[in-house]
Amino acid sequence: VIVAILGPTLHTVMIAITLVLIPQFIHSVHNAFYTERSKEYVIASKLN
């Protein structure tokens, strides 16, 4: 969809691939942080 809108060039492909991958990193890191922040070692660090 992104390449069809912007045109088939190398820069467009790079932009499209980067934009497609960003949500995947956000989702995985967000879930990992959400799981870890409620653990005891994080709570102890906050209390310190």
All heavy atoms as atom14 arrays in JSON, in Angstrom:
{
  "sequence": "VIVAILGPTLHTVMIAITLVLIPQFIHSVHNAFYTERSKEYVIASKLN",
  "atom14_mask": [
    [1, 1, 1, 1, 1, 1, 1, 0, 0, 0, 0, 0, 0, 0],
    [1, 1, 1, 1, 1, 1, 1, 1, 0, 0, 0, 0, 0, 0],
    [1, 1, 1, 1, 1, 1, 1, 0, 0, 0, 0, 0, 0, 0],
    [1, 1, 1, 1, 1, 0, 0, 0, 0, 0, 0, 0, 0, 0],
    [1, 1, 1, 1, 1, 1, 1, 1, 0, 0, 0, 0, 0, 0],
    [1, 1, 1, 1, 1, 1, 1, 1, 0, 0, 0, 0, 0, 0],
    [1, 1, 1, 1, 0, 0, 0, 0, 0, 0, 0, 0, 0, 0],
    [1, 1, 1, 1, 1, 1, 1, 0, 0, 0, 0, 0, 0, 0],
    [1, 1, 1, 1, 1, 1, 1, 0, 0, 0, 0, 0, 0, 0],
    [1, 1, 1, 1, 1, 1, 1, 1, 0, 0, 0, 0, 0, 0],
    [1, 1, 1, 1, 1, 1, 1, 1, 1, 1, 0, 0, 0, 0],
    [1, 1, 1, 1, 1, 1, 1, 0, 0, 0, 0, 0, 0, 0],
    [1, 1, 1, 1, 1, 1, 1, 0, 0, 0, 0, 0, 0, 0],
    [1, 1, 1, 1, 1, 1, 1, 1, 0, 0, 0, 0, 0, 0],
    [1, 1, 1, 1, 1, 1, 1, 1, 0, 0, 0, 0, 0, 0],
    [1, 1, 1, 1, 1, 0, 0, 0, 0, 0, 0, 0, 0, 0],
    [1, 1, 1, 1, 1, 1, 1, 1, 0, 0, 0, 0, 0, 0],
    [1, 1, 1, 1, 1, 1, 1, 0, 0, 0, 0, 0, 0, 0],
    [1, 1, 1, 1, 1, 1, 1, 1, 0, 0, 0, 0, 0, 0],
    [1, 1, 1, 1, 1, 1, 1, 0, 0, 0, 0, 0, 0, 0],
    [1, 1, 1, 1, 1, 1, 1, 1, 0, 0, 0, 0, 0, 0],
    [1, 1, 1, 1, 1, 1, 1, 1, 0, 0, 0, 0, 0, 0],
    [1, 1, 1, 1, 1, 1, 1, 0, 0, 0, 0, 0, 0, 0],
    [1, 1, 1, 1, 1, 1, 1, 1, 1, 0, 0, 0, 0, 0],
    [1, 1, 1, 1, 1, 1, 1, 1, 1, 1, 1, 0, 0, 0],
    [1, 1, 1, 1, 1, 1, 1, 1, 0, 0, 0, 0, 0, 0],
    [1, 1, 1, 1, 1, 1, 1, 1, 1, 1, 0, 0, 0, 0],
    [1, 1, 1, 1, 1, 1, 0, 0, 0, 0, 0, 0, 0, 0],
    [1, 1, 1, 1, 1, 1, 1, 0, 0, 0, 0, 0, 0, 0],
    [1, 1, 1, 1, 1, 1, 1, 1, 1, 1, 0, 0, 0, 0],
    [1, 1, 1, 1, 1, 1, 1, 1, 0, 0, 0, 0, 0, 0],
    [1, 1, 1, 1, 1, 0, 0, 0, 0, 0, 0, 0, 0, 0],
    [1, 1, 1, 1, 1, 1, 1, 1, 1, 1, 1, 0, 0, 0],
    [1, 1, 1, 1, 1, 1, 1, 1, 1, 1, 1, 1, 0, 0],
    [1, 1, 1, 1, 1, 1, 1, 0, 0, 0, 0, 0, 0, 0],
    [1, 1, 1, 1, 1, 1, 1, 1, 1, 0, 0, 0, 0, 0],
    [1, 1, 1, 1, 1, 1, 1, 1, 1, 1, 1, 0, 0, 0],
    [1, 1, 1, 1, 1, 1, 0, 0, 0, 0, 0, 0, 0, 0],
    [1, 1, 1, 1, 1, 1, 1, 1, 1, 0, 0, 0, 0, 0],
    [1, 1, 1, 1, 1, 1, 1, 1, 1, 0, 0, 0, 0, 0],
    [1, 1, 1, 1, 1, 1, 1, 1, 1, 1, 1, 1, 0, 0],
    [1, 1, 1, 1, 1, 1, 1, 0, 0, 0, 0, 0, 0, 0],
    [1, 1, 1, 1, 1, 1, 1, 1, 0, 0, 0, 0, 0, 0],
    [1, 1, 1, 1, 1, 0, 0, 0, 0, 0, 0, 0, 0, 0],
    [1, 1, 1, 1, 1, 1, 0, 0, 0, 0, 0, 0, 0, 0],
    [1, 1, 1, 1, 1, 1, 1, 1, 1, 0, 0, 0, 0, 0],
    [1, 1, 1, 1, 1, 1, 1, 1, 0, 0, 0, 0, 0, 0],
    [1, 1, 1, 1, 1, 1, 1, 1, 0, 0, 0, 0, 0, 0]
  ],
  "atom14_positions": [
    [[0.84, -1.2, 0.0], [0.0, 0.0, 0.0], [0.87, 1.25, 0.0], [0.63, 2.21, -0.76], [-0.95, -0.01, 1.22], [-1.69, 1.32, 1.33], [-1.94, -1.16, 1.11], [0.0, 0.0, 0.0], [0.0, 0.0, 0.0], [0.0, 0.0, 0.0], [0.0, 0.0, 0.0], [0.0, 0.0, 0.0], [0.0, 0.0, 0.0], [0.0, 0.0, 0.0]],
    [[1.92, 1.26, 0.84], [2.78, 2.44, 0.92], [3.53, 2.65, -0.39], [3.64, 3.77, -0.9], [3.76, 2.29, 2.09], [2.99, 2.24, 3.42], [4.76, 3.44, 2.12], [3.86, 1.93, 4.63], [0.0, 0.0, 0.0], [0.0, 0.0, 0.0], [0.0, 0.0, 0.0], [0.0, 0.0, 0.0], [0.0, 0.0, 0.0], [0.0, 0.0, 0.0]],
    [[4.05, 1.56, -0.98], [4.78, 1.67, -2.24], [3.84, 2.09, -3.36], [4.22, 2.89, -4.24], [5.47, 0.33, -2.57], [6.04, 0.35, -3.98], [6.59, 0.05, -1.57], [0.0, 0.0, 0.0], [0.0, 0.0, 0.0], [0.0, 0.0, 0.0], [0.0, 0.0, 0.0], [0.0, 0.0, 0.0], [0.0, 0.0, 0.0], [0.0, 0.0, 0.0]],
    [[2.6, 1.6, -3.35], [1.64, 1.99, -4.39], [1.32, 3.48, -4.31], [1.06, 4.12, -5.34], [0.38, 1.16, -4.25], [0.0, 0.0, 0.0], [0.0, 0.0, 0.0], [0.0, 0.0, 0.0], [0.0, 0.0, 0.0], [0.0, 0.0, 0.0], [0.0, 0.0, 0.0], [0.0, 0.0, 0.0], [0.0, 0.0, 0.0], [0.0, 0.0, 0.0]],
    [[1.34, 4.05, -3.12], [1.04, 5.47, -2.95], [2.23, 6.34, -3.32], [2.09, 7.35, -4.03], [0.6, 5.75, -1.5], [-0.73, 5.03, -1.2], [0.44, 7.25, -1.27], [-1.16, 5.12, 0.24], [0.0, 0.0, 0.0], [0.0, 0.0, 0.0], [0.0, 0.0, 0.0], [0.0, 0.0, 0.0], [0.0, 0.0, 0.0], [0.0, 0.0, 0.0]],
    [[3.42, 5.95, -2.86], [4.61, 6.79, -3.04], [5.39, 6.48, -4.31], [6.2, 7.31, -4.73], [5.54, 6.63, -1.82], [4.93, 7.02, -0.46], [5.94, 6.8, 0.65], [4.46, 8.46, -0.47], [0.0, 0.0, 0.0], [0.0, 0.0, 0.0], [0.0, 0.0, 0.0], [0.0, 0.0, 0.0], [0.0, 0.0, 0.0], [0.0, 0.0, 0.0]],
    [[5.19, 5.29, -4.88], [5.92, 4.95, -6.1], [7.02, 3.93, -5.84], [7.62, 3.91, -4.76], [0.0, 0.0, 0.0], [0.0, 0.0, 0.0], [0.0, 0.0, 0.0], [0.0, 0.0, 0.0], [0.0, 0.0, 0.0], [0.0, 0.0, 0.0], [0.0, 0.0, 0.0], [0.0, 0.0, 0.0], [0.0, 0.0, 0.0], [0.0, 0.0, 0.0]],
    [[7.31, 3.08, -6.83], [8.3, 2.01, -6.65], [9.75, 2.47, -6.85], [10.32, 2.33, -7.93], [7.9, 0.99, -7.71], [7.28, 1.81, -8.8], [6.63, 2.98, -8.14], [0.0, 0.0, 0.0], [0.0, 0.0, 0.0], [0.0, 0.0, 0.0], [0.0, 0.0, 0.0], [0.0, 0.0, 0.0], [0.0, 0.0, 0.0], [0.0, 0.0, 0.0]],
    [[10.34, 3.03, -5.83], [11.75, 3.4, -5.86], [12.44, 2.82, -4.63], [11.79, 2.34, -3.7], [11.92, 4.93, -5.87], [11.37, 5.47, -4.66], [11.23, 5.55, -7.08], [0.0, 0.0, 0.0], [0.0, 0.0, 0.0], [0.0, 0.0, 0.0], [0.0, 0.0, 0.0], [0.0, 0.0, 0.0], [0.0, 0.0, 0.0], [0.0, 0.0, 0.0]],
    [[13.77, 2.87, -4.62], [14.53, 2.32, -3.5], [14.22, 3.06, -2.21], [14.02, 2.44, -1.16], [16.02, 2.37, -3.81], [16.96, 1.91, -2.7], [16.69, 0.47, -2.33], [18.42, 2.09, -3.12], [0.0, 0.0, 0.0], [0.0, 0.0, 0.0], [0.0, 0.0, 0.0], [0.0, 0.0, 0.0], [0.0, 0.0, 0.0], [0.0, 0.0, 0.0]],
    [[14.17, 4.39, -2.26], [13.87, 5.17, -1.06], [12.46, 4.89, -0.55], [12.23, 4.82, 0.66], [14.05, 6.66, -1.35], [15.46, 7.03, -1.7], [15.92, 7.01, -2.99], [16.5, 7.43, -0.91], [17.2, 7.39, -3.0], [17.57, 7.65, -1.76], [0.0, 0.0, 0.0], [0.0, 0.0, 0.0], [0.0, 0.0, 0.0], [0.0, 0.0, 0.0]],
    [[11.53, 4.72, -1.47], [10.16, 4.41, -1.06], [10.08, 3.05, -0.39], [9.38, 2.89, 0.62], [9.24, 4.43, -2.29], [9.3, 5.71, -2.9], [7.81, 4.13, -1.89], [0.0, 0.0, 0.0], [0.0, 0.0, 0.0], [0.0, 0.0, 0.0], [0.0, 0.0, 0.0], [0.0, 0.0, 0.0], [0.0, 0.0, 0.0], [0.0, 0.0, 0.0]],
    [[10.8, 2.08, -0.94], [10.81, 0.74, -0.33], [11.41, 0.8, 1.07], [10.9, 0.17, 2.01], [11.59, -0.23, -1.23], [11.79, -1.57, -0.53], [10.86, -0.44, -2.55], [0.0, 0.0, 0.0], [0.0, 0.0, 0.0], [0.0, 0.0, 0.0], [0.0, 0.0, 0.0], [0.0, 0.0, 0.0], [0.0, 0.0, 0.0], [0.0, 0.0, 0.0]],
    [[12.49, 1.57, 1.24], [13.1, 1.7, 2.57], [12.12, 2.34, 3.55], [12.0, 1.89, 4.7], [14.36, 2.54, 2.45], [15.54, 1.82, 1.82], [16.21, 0.55, 2.9], [16.87, 1.55, 4.22], [0.0, 0.0, 0.0], [0.0, 0.0, 0.0], [0.0, 0.0, 0.0], [0.0, 0.0, 0.0], [0.0, 0.0, 0.0], [0.0, 0.0, 0.0]],
    [[11.43, 3.37, 3.12], [10.45, 4.02, 3.99], [9.33, 3.06, 4.35], [8.9, 2.97, 5.51], [9.89, 5.29, 3.31], [10.99, 6.34, 3.17], [8.72, 5.86, 4.11], [10.58, 7.55, 2.35], [0.0, 0.0, 0.0], [0.0, 0.0, 0.0], [0.0, 0.0, 0.0], [0.0, 0.0, 0.0], [0.0, 0.0, 0.0], [0.0, 0.0, 0.0]],
    [[8.86, 2.32, 3.35], [7.75, 1.39, 3.58], [8.14, 0.28, 4.56], [7.4, -0.02, 5.51], [7.3, 0.78, 2.25], [0.0, 0.0, 0.0], [0.0, 0.0, 0.0], [0.0, 0.0, 0.0], [0.0, 0.0, 0.0], [0.0, 0.0, 0.0], [0.0, 0.0, 0.0], [0.0, 0.0, 0.0], [0.0, 0.0, 0.0], [0.0, 0.0, 0.0]],
    [[9.31, -0.32, 4.37], [9.76, -1.39, 5.25], [9.97, -0.88, 6.67], [9.59, -1.53, 7.65], [11.04, -2.05, 4.7], [10.78, -2.7, 3.33], [11.57, -3.08, 5.67], [9.74, -3.78, 3.35], [0.0, 0.0, 0.0], [0.0, 0.0, 0.0], [0.0, 0.0, 0.0], [0.0, 0.0, 0.0], [0.0, 0.0, 0.0], [0.0, 0.0, 0.0]],
    [[10.56, 0.31, 6.8], [10.79, 0.87, 8.13], [9.47, 1.15, 8.85], [9.33, 0.82, 10.04], [11.61, 2.17, 8.02], [12.83, 1.9, 7.31], [11.94, 2.72, 9.39], [0.0, 0.0, 0.0], [0.0, 0.0, 0.0], [0.0, 0.0, 0.0], [0.0, 0.0, 0.0], [0.0, 0.0, 0.0], [0.0, 0.0, 0.0], [0.0, 0.0, 0.0]],
    [[8.53, 1.75, 8.15], [7.23, 2.04, 8.76], [6.48, 0.78, 9.13], [5.73, 0.76, 10.12], [6.39, 2.89, 7.8], [6.89, 4.31, 7.54], [5.98, 5.02, 6.53], [6.97, 5.12, 8.83], [0.0, 0.0, 0.0], [0.0, 0.0, 0.0], [0.0, 0.0, 0.0], [0.0, 0.0, 0.0], [0.0, 0.0, 0.0], [0.0, 0.0, 0.0]],
    [[6.67, -0.28, 8.36], [5.99, -1.54, 8.66], [6.58, -2.21, 9.9], [5.86, -2.82, 10.69], [6.08, -2.48, 7.44], [5.7, -3.91, 7.82], [5.16, -1.99, 6.33], [0.0, 0.0, 0.0], [0.0, 0.0, 0.0], [0.0, 0.0, 0.0], [0.0, 0.0, 0.0], [0.0, 0.0, 0.0], [0.0, 0.0, 0.0], [0.0, 0.0, 0.0]],
    [[7.89, -2.08, 10.09], [8.56, -2.76, 11.2], [8.43, -2.03, 12.53], [8.5, -2.66, 13.58], [10.05, -2.94, 10.87], [10.39, -3.84, 9.69], [11.9, -3.91, 9.5], [9.83, -5.24, 9.87], [0.0, 0.0, 0.0], [0.0, 0.0, 0.0], [0.0, 0.0, 0.0], [0.0, 0.0, 0.0], [0.0, 0.0, 0.0], [0.0, 0.0, 0.0]],
    [[8.25, -0.72, 12.5], [8.17, 0.05, 13.75], [7.06, -0.44, 14.68], [7.3, -0.64, 15.88], [8.03, 1.55, 13.44], [9.35, 2.11, 12.89], [7.63, 2.33, 14.7], [9.27, 3.56, 12.46], [0.0, 0.0, 0.0], [0.0, 0.0, 0.0], [0.0, 0.0, 0.0], [0.0, 0.0, 0.0], [0.0, 0.0, 0.0], [0.0, 0.0, 0.0]],
    [[5.82, -0.65, 14.2], [4.78, -1.15, 15.12], [5.11, -2.49, 15.74], [4.7, -2.77, 16.87], [3.53, -1.23, 14.22], [3.79, -0.3, 13.1], [5.26, -0.36, 12.87], [0.0, 0.0, 0.0], [0.0, 0.0, 0.0], [0.0, 0.0, 0.0], [0.0, 0.0, 0.0], [0.0, 0.0, 0.0], [0.0, 0.0, 0.0], [0.0, 0.0, 0.0]],
    [[5.84, -3.36, 15.03], [6.2, -4.65, 15.6], [7.14, -4.49, 16.79], [6.97, -5.17, 17.82], [6.85, -5.52, 14.51], [5.95, -5.8, 13.32], [6.63, -6.62, 12.26], [7.72, -7.14, 12.46], [6.0, -6.76, 11.1], [0.0, 0.0, 0.0], [0.0, 0.0, 0.0], [0.0, 0.0, 0.0], [0.0, 0.0, 0.0], [0.0, 0.0, 0.0]],
    [[8.12, -3.6, 16.67], [9.02, -3.35, 17.8], [8.27, -2.7, 18.95], [8.5, -3.03, 20.12], [10.18, -2.47, 17.34], [11.28, -3.21, 16.64], [11.37, -3.18, 15.26], [12.21, -3.93, 17.35], [12.39, -3.86, 14.6], [13.24, -4.61, 16.71], [13.32, -4.57, 15.33], [0.0, 0.0, 0.0], [0.0, 0.0, 0.0], [0.0, 0.0, 0.0]],
    [[7.41, -1.75, 18.63], [6.65, -1.08, 19.7], [5.81, -2.09, 20.47], [5.77, -2.09, 21.71], [5.75, 0.02, 19.1], [6.61, 1.13, 18.48], [4.85, 0.62, 20.18], [5.79, 2.2, 17.77], [0.0, 0.0, 0.0], [0.0, 0.0, 0.0], [0.0, 0.0, 0.0], [0.0, 0.0, 0.0], [0.0, 0.0, 0.0], [0.0, 0.0, 0.0]],
    [[5.15, -2.97, 19.75], [4.25, -3.94, 20.39], [5.02, -4.91, 21.28], [4.64, -5.14, 22.44], [3.48, -4.71, 19.31], [2.42, -5.6, 19.86], [2.65, -6.94, 20.14], [1.12, -5.37, 20.19], [1.54, -7.48, 20.61], [0.6, -6.56, 20.66], [0.0, 0.0, 0.0], [0.0, 0.0, 0.0], [0.0, 0.0, 0.0], [0.0, 0.0, 0.0]],
    [[6.12, -5.48, 20.78], [6.87, -6.46, 21.57], [7.54, -5.81, 22.78], [7.5, -6.36, 23.9], [7.93, -7.14, 20.69], [8.84, -6.19, 20.18], [0.0, 0.0, 0.0], [0.0, 0.0, 0.0], [0.0, 0.0, 0.0], [0.0, 0.0, 0.0], [0.0, 0.0, 0.0], [0.0, 0.0, 0.0], [0.0, 0.0, 0.0], [0.0, 0.0, 0.0]],
    [[8.14, -4.63, 22.6], [8.81, -3.96, 23.72], [7.78, -3.45, 24.72], [8.01, -3.51, 25.94], [9.7, -2.82, 23.19], [10.27, -2.0, 24.34], [10.82, -3.37, 22.33], [0.0, 0.0, 0.0], [0.0, 0.0, 0.0], [0.0, 0.0, 0.0], [0.0, 0.0, 0.0], [0.0, 0.0, 0.0], [0.0, 0.0, 0.0], [0.0, 0.0, 0.0]],
    [[6.66, -2.95, 24.24], [5.61, -2.47, 25.14], [5.11, -3.6, 26.04], [4.96, -3.44, 27.25], [4.46, -1.89, 24.32], [3.23, -1.6, 25.13], [2.18, -2.5, 25.23], [2.87, -0.53, 25.87], [1.25, -1.99, 26.0], [1.64, -0.8, 26.4], [0.0, 0.0, 0.0], [0.0, 0.0, 0.0], [0.0, 0.0, 0.0], [0.0, 0.0, 0.0]],
    [[4.84, -4.76, 25.45], [4.36, -5.9, 26.25], [5.42, -6.38, 27.23], [5.1, -6.75, 28.37], [3.96, -7.04, 25.33], [2.71, -6.73, 24.53], [1.94, -5.83, 24.88], [2.5, -7.45, 23.45], [0.0, 0.0, 0.0], [0.0, 0.0, 0.0], [0.0, 0.0, 0.0], [0.0, 0.0, 0.0], [0.0, 0.0, 0.0], [0.0, 0.0, 0.0]],
    [[6.7, -6.37, 26.79], [7.77, -6.81, 27.69], [7.92, -5.86, 28.88], [8.05, -6.29, 30.03], [9.08, -6.91, 26.92], [0.0, 0.0, 0.0], [0.0, 0.0, 0.0], [0.0, 0.0, 0.0], [0.0, 0.0, 0.0], [0.0, 0.0, 0.0], [0.0, 0.0, 0.0], [0.0, 0.0, 0.0], [0.0, 0.0, 0.0], [0.0, 0.0, 0.0]],
    [[7.9, -4.57, 28.63], [7.99, -3.58, 29.71], [6.77, -3.67, 30.63], [6.9, -3.55, 31.85], [8.12, -2.18, 29.14], [9.53, -1.71, 28.98], [10.25, -2.04, 27.85], [10.14, -0.96, 29.96], [11.55, -1.62, 27.69], [11.45, -0.53, 29.82], [12.16, -0.87, 28.68], [0.0, 0.0, 0.0], [0.0, 0.0, 0.0], [0.0, 0.0, 0.0]],
    [[5.61, -3.86, 30.02], [4.38, -3.94, 30.82], [4.43, -5.14, 31.77], [3.95, -5.08, 32.91], [3.17, -4.05, 29.89], [1.85, -4.0, 30.6], [1.27, -2.78, 30.95], [1.16, -5.17, 30.93], [0.05, -2.73, 31.6], [-0.05, -5.13, 31.59], [-0.61, -3.91, 31.92], [-1.81, -3.87, 32.58], [0.0, 0.0, 0.0], [0.0, 0.0, 0.0]],
    [[5.04, -6.24, 31.31], [5.15, -7.44, 32.16], [6.19, -7.25, 33.25], [6.0, -7.67, 34.4], [5.51, -8.65, 31.29], [4.52, -8.82, 30.27], [5.6, -9.91, 32.13], [0.0, 0.0, 0.0], [0.0, 0.0, 0.0], [0.0, 0.0, 0.0], [0.0, 0.0, 0.0], [0.0, 0.0, 0.0], [0.0, 0.0, 0.0], [0.0, 0.0, 0.0]],
    [[7.32, -6.62, 32.9], [8.43, -6.51, 33.85], [8.19, -5.46, 34.92], [8.71, -5.59, 36.03], [9.72, -6.18, 33.09], [10.22, -7.28, 32.19], [10.73, -8.48, 32.95], [11.3, -8.29, 34.04], [10.55, -9.62, 32.46], [0.0, 0.0, 0.0], [0.0, 0.0, 0.0], [0.0, 0.0, 0.0], [0.0, 0.0, 0.0], [0.0, 0.0, 0.0]],
    [[7.42, -4.42, 34.62], [7.34, -3.29, 35.56], [6.6, -3.64, 36.84], [6.72, -2.93, 37.84], [6.63, -2.12, 34.88], [5.14, -2.3, 34.69], [4.53, -1.13, 33.96], [3.07, -1.23, 33.9], [2.29, -0.38, 33.26], [2.85, 0.64, 32.62], [0.98, -0.52, 33.26], [0.0, 0.0, 0.0], [0.0, 0.0, 0.0], [0.0, 0.0, 0.0]],
    [[5.84, -4.75, 36.84], [5.12, -5.15, 38.05], [5.87, -6.19, 38.88], [5.34, -6.67, 39.88], [3.74, -5.71, 37.67], [3.88, -6.84, 36.81], [0.0, 0.0, 0.0], [0.0, 0.0, 0.0], [0.0, 0.0, 0.0], [0.0, 0.0, 0.0], [0.0, 0.0, 0.0], [0.0, 0.0, 0.0], [0.0, 0.0, 0.0], [0.0, 0.0, 0.0]],
    [[7.1, -6.52, 38.47], [7.86, -7.52, 39.21], [8.55, -6.88, 40.41], [8.7, -5.67, 40.51], [8.88, -8.19, 38.29], [8.22, -9.06, 37.21], [9.25, -9.82, 36.4], [8.56, -10.74, 35.38], [9.55, -11.51, 34.56], [0.0, 0.0, 0.0], [0.0, 0.0, 0.0], [0.0, 0.0, 0.0], [0.0, 0.0, 0.0], [0.0, 0.0, 0.0]],
    [[8.99, -7.76, 41.32], [9.47, -7.27, 42.62], [10.74, -6.44, 42.49], [10.92, -5.46, 43.22], [9.72, -8.47, 43.54], [8.44, -9.23, 43.91], [8.72, -10.42, 44.8], [9.93, -10.7, 45.03], [7.77, -11.06, 45.27], [0.0, 0.0, 0.0], [0.0, 0.0, 0.0], [0.0, 0.0, 0.0], [0.0, 0.0, 0.0], [0.0, 0.0, 0.0]],
    [[11.65, -6.82, 41.61], [12.91, -6.08, 41.53], [12.68, -4.66, 41.01], [13.42, -3.73, 41.37], [13.91, -6.83, 40.65], [13.64, -6.79, 39.17], [14.24, -5.83, 38.37], [12.8, -7.71, 38.58], [14.0, -5.79, 37.01], [12.56, -7.69, 37.22], [13.16, -6.72, 36.44], [12.92, -6.69, 35.09], [0.0, 0.0, 0.0], [0.0, 0.0, 0.0]],
    [[11.66, -4.46, 40.16], [11.35, -3.13, 39.67], [10.7, -2.3, 40.79], [11.02, -1.12, 40.98], [10.42, -3.19, 38.45], [10.06, -1.8, 37.96], [11.09, -3.97, 37.32], [0.0, 0.0, 0.0], [0.0, 0.0, 0.0], [0.0, 0.0, 0.0], [0.0, 0.0, 0.0], [0.0, 0.0, 0.0], [0.0, 0.0, 0.0], [0.0, 0.0, 0.0]],
    [[9.8, -2.92, 41.53], [9.16, -2.23, 42.65], [10.19, -1.84, 43.71], [10.16, -0.73, 44.27], [8.06, -3.12, 43.27], [6.96, -3.39, 42.22], [7.47, -2.47, 44.5], [5.9, -4.36, 42.7], [0.0, 0.0, 0.0], [0.0, 0.0, 0.0], [0.0, 0.0, 0.0], [0.0, 0.0, 0.0], [0.0, 0.0, 0.0], [0.0, 0.0, 0.0]],
    [[11.15, -2.75, 43.96], [12.2, -2.43, 44.93], [13.07, -1.27, 44.45], [13.48, -0.4, 45.25], [13.07, -3.67, 45.18], [0.0, 0.0, 0.0], [0.0, 0.0, 0.0], [0.0, 0.0, 0.0], [0.0, 0.0, 0.0], [0.0, 0.0, 0.0], [0.0, 0.0, 0.0], [0.0, 0.0, 0.0], [0.0, 0.0, 0.0], [0.0, 0.0, 0.0]],
    [[13.34, -1.22, 43.16], [14.12, -0.1, 42.62], [13.36, 1.21, 42.74], [13.96, 2.26, 43.03], [14.48, -0.38, 41.15], [15.25, -1.55, 41.03], [0.0, 0.0, 0.0], [0.0, 0.0, 0.0], [0.0, 0.0, 0.0], [0.0, 0.0, 0.0], [0.0, 0.0, 0.0], [0.0, 0.0, 0.0], [0.0, 0.0, 0.0], [0.0, 0.0, 0.0]],
    [[12.06, 1.16, 42.53], [11.25, 2.37, 42.7], [11.28, 2.85, 44.15], [11.4, 4.05, 44.43], [9.81, 2.11, 42.27], [9.62, 1.93, 40.77], [8.15, 1.69, 40.45], [7.93, 1.53, 38.96], [6.5, 1.29, 38.62], [0.0, 0.0, 0.0], [0.0, 0.0, 0.0], [0.0, 0.0, 0.0], [0.0, 0.0, 0.0], [0.0, 0.0, 0.0]],
    [[11.18, 1.91, 45.08], [11.19, 2.27, 46.5], [12.54, 2.85, 46.92], [12.62, 3.64, 47.87], [10.84, 1.05, 47.36], [9.42, 0.51, 47.2], [9.23, -0.75, 48.03], [8.4, 1.56, 47.6], [0.0, 0.0, 0.0], [0.0, 0.0, 0.0], [0.0, 0.0, 0.0], [0.0, 0.0, 0.0], [0.0, 0.0, 0.0], [0.0, 0.0, 0.0]],
    [[13.61, 2.46, 46.21], [14.93, 3.01, 46.51], [15.14, 4.39, 45.91], [16.22, 4.99, 46.1], [16.02, 2.06, 46.0], [16.13, 0.8, 46.84], [15.82, 0.81, 48.03], [16.59, -0.29, 46.22], [0.0, 0.0, 0.0], [0.0, 0.0, 0.0], [0.0, 0.0, 0.0], [0.0, 0.0, 0.0], [0.0, 0.0, 0.0], [0.0, 0.0, 0.0]]
  ]
}
